[in-house]
Amino acid sequence: MQKVKVLIADDHPVVREGLSTMLSAEPDMTVVGETSNGVETVEKALATKPDVILMDLRMPILDGASAMQQIRARNKNVKFIVLTTYDTEEYVFKAIQAGAQAYLLKDVPSDEIVKAIRNVVEGKSVIEPAIAGRVLERFAQMMQQVSQLSVLSEREIEVLKLMAKGEFNKEIAATLSISESTVKTHIQSIFQKLDVKSRTEAIAKARTQGIIDLY
């Protein structure tokens, strides 16, 4: 039976040692290396070609999410399991965007880590229930934002971008080769769709929801 090759990335020696001892006792797994920072993890991953990487997010030199992105750019087959003490939305979504298939907290029972490794190898995703609820809530918010984005027409988004640049109605009309009255109609429509009452509110909400760039 071909064993699952696991790389352990964590800046705490005790954590690495504990994980290594635990996983080495599993008949279907083998630990191919341990690393203590993001740069070392990228190098070791490219050298050992692990099937699964247990990745901490907060590591020296290069953080876990950035390391994952670099590794995935060169090896699409590797699976990532984030094992961390951080459960905030910021960390969870950053890890998922970087390619994590599983997100576990370090206080999880050891058998759950072993199970997660087997699950991701089979193509499954694993997120702790407490964290999953937040992910679903955030996803719902993102879908609402996408819905609002789809409601705005291309022309309205163009008007919004010009408003964000500080252009007045007359300038927007000249830039887009439309009349000032048409610009006013677009702005009123934008206000209604975004549920705002001023240009400042419209620009702020559009930036917050990613409808227009922050900068």
Protein backbone atom coordinates (compact mmCIF):
# COMPACT_ATOMS: atom_id res chain seq x y z
CA MET A 1 0.00 0.00 0.00
CA GLN A 2 1.34 3.41 -1.00
CA LYS A 3 1.54 5.65 2.04
CA VAL A 4 0.25 9.22 2.18
CA LYS A 5 3.24 11.56 2.30
CA VAL A 6 2.73 14.34 4.86
CA LEU A 7 4.77 17.51 5.38
CA ILE A 8 4.39 19.32 8.71
CA ALA A 9 4.79 23.11 8.71
CA ASP A 10 4.71 24.83 12.10
CA ASP A 11 7.07 27.20 13.89
CA HIS A 12 6.64 25.43 17.25
CA PRO A 13 9.00 22.45 17.68
CA VAL A 14 6.73 20.76 20.24
CA VAL A 15 3.79 20.86 17.82
CA ARG A 16 5.88 19.47 14.97
CA GLU A 17 7.27 16.69 17.15
CA GLY A 18 3.83 15.74 18.45
CA LEU A 19 2.28 15.65 14.99
CA SER A 20 5.20 13.71 13.55
CA THR A 21 5.04 11.07 16.28
CA MET A 22 1.28 10.72 15.91
CA LEU A 23 1.25 10.45 12.11
CA SER A 24 4.27 8.14 11.92
CA ALA A 25 2.27 5.63 13.96
CA GLU A 26 -0.40 5.45 11.25
CA PRO A 27 0.16 2.51 8.89
CA ASP A 28 -0.96 4.44 5.81
CA MET A 29 1.03 7.64 6.42
CA THR A 30 4.64 8.77 6.37
CA VAL A 31 6.10 12.14 7.42
CA VAL A 32 8.45 13.38 4.69
CA GLY A 33 9.62 16.48 6.52
CA GLU A 34 9.11 19.22 9.08
CA THR A 35 9.53 22.96 8.53
CA SER A 36 9.47 26.02 10.77
CA ASN A 37 8.85 28.91 8.36
CA GLY A 38 7.06 29.62 5.09
CA VAL A 39 10.12 29.82 2.85
CA GLU A 40 11.48 26.54 4.17
CA THR A 41 8.05 24.98 3.64
CA VAL A 42 7.97 25.99 -0.03
CA GLU A 43 11.45 24.57 -0.59
CA LYS A 44 10.70 21.33 1.26
CA ALA A 45 7.38 20.88 -0.53
CA LEU A 46 9.02 21.18 -3.93
CA ALA A 47 11.78 18.75 -2.91
CA THR A 48 9.66 16.05 -1.23
CA LYS A 49 6.39 16.40 -3.21
CA PRO A 50 4.06 15.57 -0.30
CA ASP A 51 0.45 14.52 -0.80
CA VAL A 52 -0.70 16.60 2.17
CA ILE A 53 0.77 19.57 4.02
CA LEU A 54 -0.30 20.37 7.57
CA MET A 55 0.09 24.14 7.52
CA ASP A 56 0.14 26.69 10.31
CA LEU A 57 -0.88 30.18 9.17
CA ARG A 58 1.32 32.35 11.40
CA MET A 59 4.91 31.50 10.54
CA PRO A 60 8.13 33.54 10.27
CA ILE A 61 9.56 34.97 7.02
CA LEU A 62 6.56 33.88 4.90
CA ASP A 63 3.07 33.27 6.26
CA GLY A 64 1.20 30.03 5.65
CA ALA A 65 -1.31 31.38 3.13
CA SER A 66 1.45 32.90 0.97
CA ALA A 67 3.42 29.66 1.17
CA MET A 68 0.36 27.72 0.02
CA GLN A 69 -0.08 30.00 -2.98
CA GLN A 70 3.53 29.54 -4.03
CA ILE A 71 3.39 25.77 -3.62
CA ARG A 72 0.10 25.40 -5.50
CA ALA A 73 1.49 27.45 -8.38
CA ARG A 74 4.02 24.65 -8.94
CA ASN A 75 2.11 21.62 -7.67
CA LYS A 76 -1.65 21.52 -8.26
CA ASN A 77 -2.03 18.08 -6.69
CA VAL A 78 -0.89 18.84 -3.14
CA LYS A 79 -3.60 19.09 -0.47
CA PHE A 80 -3.47 21.59 2.38
CA ILE A 81 -4.84 21.19 5.87
CA VAL A 82 -4.62 24.37 7.91
CA LEU A 83 -3.96 23.61 11.56
CA THR A 84 -3.99 26.80 13.57
CA THR A 85 -5.17 28.58 16.71
CA TYR A 86 -6.86 31.35 14.70
CA ASP A 87 -10.56 31.04 13.87
CA THR A 88 -11.42 34.54 12.68
CA GLU A 89 -13.13 35.05 9.31
CA GLU A 90 -10.06 36.85 7.98
CA TYR A 91 -7.82 33.83 8.51
CA VAL A 92 -10.39 31.26 7.38
CA PHE A 93 -11.15 32.98 4.08
CA LYS A 94 -7.52 33.78 3.39
CA ALA A 95 -6.67 30.10 3.85
CA ILE A 96 -9.54 28.92 1.64
CA GLN A 97 -8.60 31.40 -1.07
CA ALA A 98 -5.01 30.13 -0.90
CA GLY A 99 -6.24 26.58 -1.56
CA ALA A 100 -6.84 24.92 1.82
CA GLN A 101 -9.06 21.83 1.67
CA ALA A 102 -9.41 21.63 5.46
CA TYR A 103 -9.34 24.11 8.33
CA LEU A 104 -8.83 22.75 11.83
CA LEU A 105 -8.00 24.33 15.17
CA LYS A 106 -5.07 23.00 17.16
CA ASP A 107 -7.25 21.87 20.04
CA VAL A 108 -8.99 19.34 17.79
CA PRO A 109 -8.63 15.66 18.88
CA SER A 110 -5.70 13.90 17.22
CA ASP A 111 -7.93 11.34 15.52
CA GLU A 112 -9.73 14.20 13.74
CA ILE A 113 -6.44 15.31 12.19
CA VAL A 114 -5.78 11.78 10.94
CA LYS A 115 -9.33 11.57 9.58
CA ALA A 116 -8.94 14.96 7.88
CA ILE A 117 -5.79 13.80 6.10
CA ARG A 118 -7.57 10.73 4.73
CA ASN A 119 -10.57 12.82 3.72
CA VAL A 120 -8.62 15.45 1.76
CA VAL A 121 -6.68 12.72 -0.04
CA GLU A 122 -10.06 11.39 -1.18
CA GLY A 123 -11.00 14.85 -2.42
CA LYS A 124 -13.23 15.87 0.48
CA SER A 125 -13.18 19.17 2.37
CA VAL A 126 -13.12 19.47 6.15
CA ILE A 127 -14.07 22.53 8.21
CA GLU A 128 -14.91 22.42 11.89
CA PRO A 129 -18.65 22.95 12.52
CA ALA A 130 -18.13 26.14 14.56
CA ILE A 131 -16.08 27.66 11.76
CA ALA A 132 -18.35 26.30 9.01
CA GLY A 133 -21.24 28.38 10.34
CA ARG A 134 -19.23 31.57 9.94
CA VAL A 135 -18.09 30.54 6.47
CA LEU A 136 -21.69 30.00 5.35
CA GLU A 137 -22.72 33.36 6.82
CA ARG A 138 -19.88 35.14 5.06
CA PHE A 139 -20.66 33.31 1.83
CA ALA A 140 -24.27 34.50 2.05
CA GLN A 141 -23.05 38.07 2.45
CA MET A 142 -20.77 37.67 -0.56
CA MET A 143 -23.64 36.31 -2.64
CA GLN A 144 -25.74 39.31 -1.67
CA GLN A 145 -22.94 41.59 -2.80
CA VAL A 146 -22.67 39.73 -6.11
CA SER A 147 -26.42 40.06 -6.50
CA GLN A 148 -26.19 43.82 -6.04
CA LEU A 149 -23.32 43.98 -8.49
CA SER A 150 -25.36 42.12 -11.12
CA VAL A 151 -28.27 44.55 -10.63
CA LEU A 152 -26.16 47.56 -11.63
CA SER A 153 -25.79 48.03 -15.36
CA GLU A 154 -22.40 48.45 -17.01
CA ARG A 155 -23.17 52.13 -17.62
CA GLU A 156 -24.13 52.65 -13.96
CA ILE A 157 -20.85 51.08 -12.85
CA GLU A 158 -19.01 53.42 -15.23
CA VAL A 159 -20.84 56.40 -13.69
CA LEU A 160 -19.97 55.13 -10.20
CA LYS A 161 -16.29 54.88 -11.06
CA LEU A 162 -16.25 58.42 -12.39
CA MET A 163 -18.09 59.65 -9.30
CA ALA A 164 -15.41 57.95 -7.20
CA LYS A 165 -12.77 59.89 -9.13
CA GLY A 166 -14.48 63.11 -8.07
CA GLU A 167 -16.05 64.03 -11.38
CA PHE A 168 -19.25 66.14 -11.37
CA ASN A 169 -22.28 65.40 -13.52
CA LYS A 170 -21.13 67.67 -16.34
CA GLU A 171 -17.70 66.01 -16.43
CA ILE A 172 -19.22 62.52 -16.32
CA ALA A 173 -21.51 63.44 -19.21
CA ALA A 174 -18.56 64.65 -21.27
CA THR A 175 -16.45 61.57 -20.46
CA LEU A 176 -19.21 59.16 -21.42
CA SER A 177 -20.62 61.27 -24.27
CA ILE A 178 -24.09 61.37 -22.76
CA SER A 179 -26.33 64.20 -21.54
CA GLU A 180 -26.30 65.55 -17.99
CA SER A 181 -29.94 64.52 -17.58
CA THR A 182 -28.97 60.94 -18.45
CA VAL A 183 -26.20 61.07 -15.87
CA LYS A 184 -28.71 62.23 -13.25
CA THR A 185 -31.03 59.37 -14.20
CA HIS A 186 -28.19 56.86 -13.77
CA ILE A 187 -27.24 58.32 -10.41
CA GLN A 188 -30.81 58.15 -9.12
CA SER A 189 -30.97 54.52 -10.26
CA ILE A 190 -27.68 53.78 -8.49
CA PHE A 191 -28.98 55.36 -5.28
CA GLN A 192 -32.11 53.24 -5.43
CA LYS A 193 -30.35 49.95 -6.19
CA LEU A 194 -27.69 50.44 -3.51
CA ASP A 195 -30.23 51.83 -1.04
CA VAL A 196 -28.25 55.03 -0.40
CA LYS A 197 -29.09 58.74 -0.40
CA SER A 198 -25.90 60.48 -1.45
CA ARG A 199 -22.92 60.21 -3.78
CA THR A 200 -20.61 59.72 -0.80
CA GLU A 201 -22.72 56.84 0.51
CA ALA A 202 -22.92 55.26 -2.94
CA ILE A 203 -19.15 55.40 -3.44
CA ALA A 204 -18.43 54.06 0.07
CA LYS A 205 -20.87 51.17 -0.29
CA ALA A 206 -19.66 50.31 -3.78
CA ARG A 207 -16.06 50.19 -2.55
CA THR A 208 -16.92 48.14 0.53
CA GLN A 209 -18.79 45.58 -1.56
CA GLY A 210 -16.15 45.38 -4.26
CA ILE A 211 -18.31 46.91 -6.99
CA ILE A 212 -15.55 49.43 -7.65
CA ASP A 213 -11.90 49.29 -6.65
CA LEU A 214 -10.79 50.67 -3.28
CA TYR A 215 -8.05 52.69 -4.94
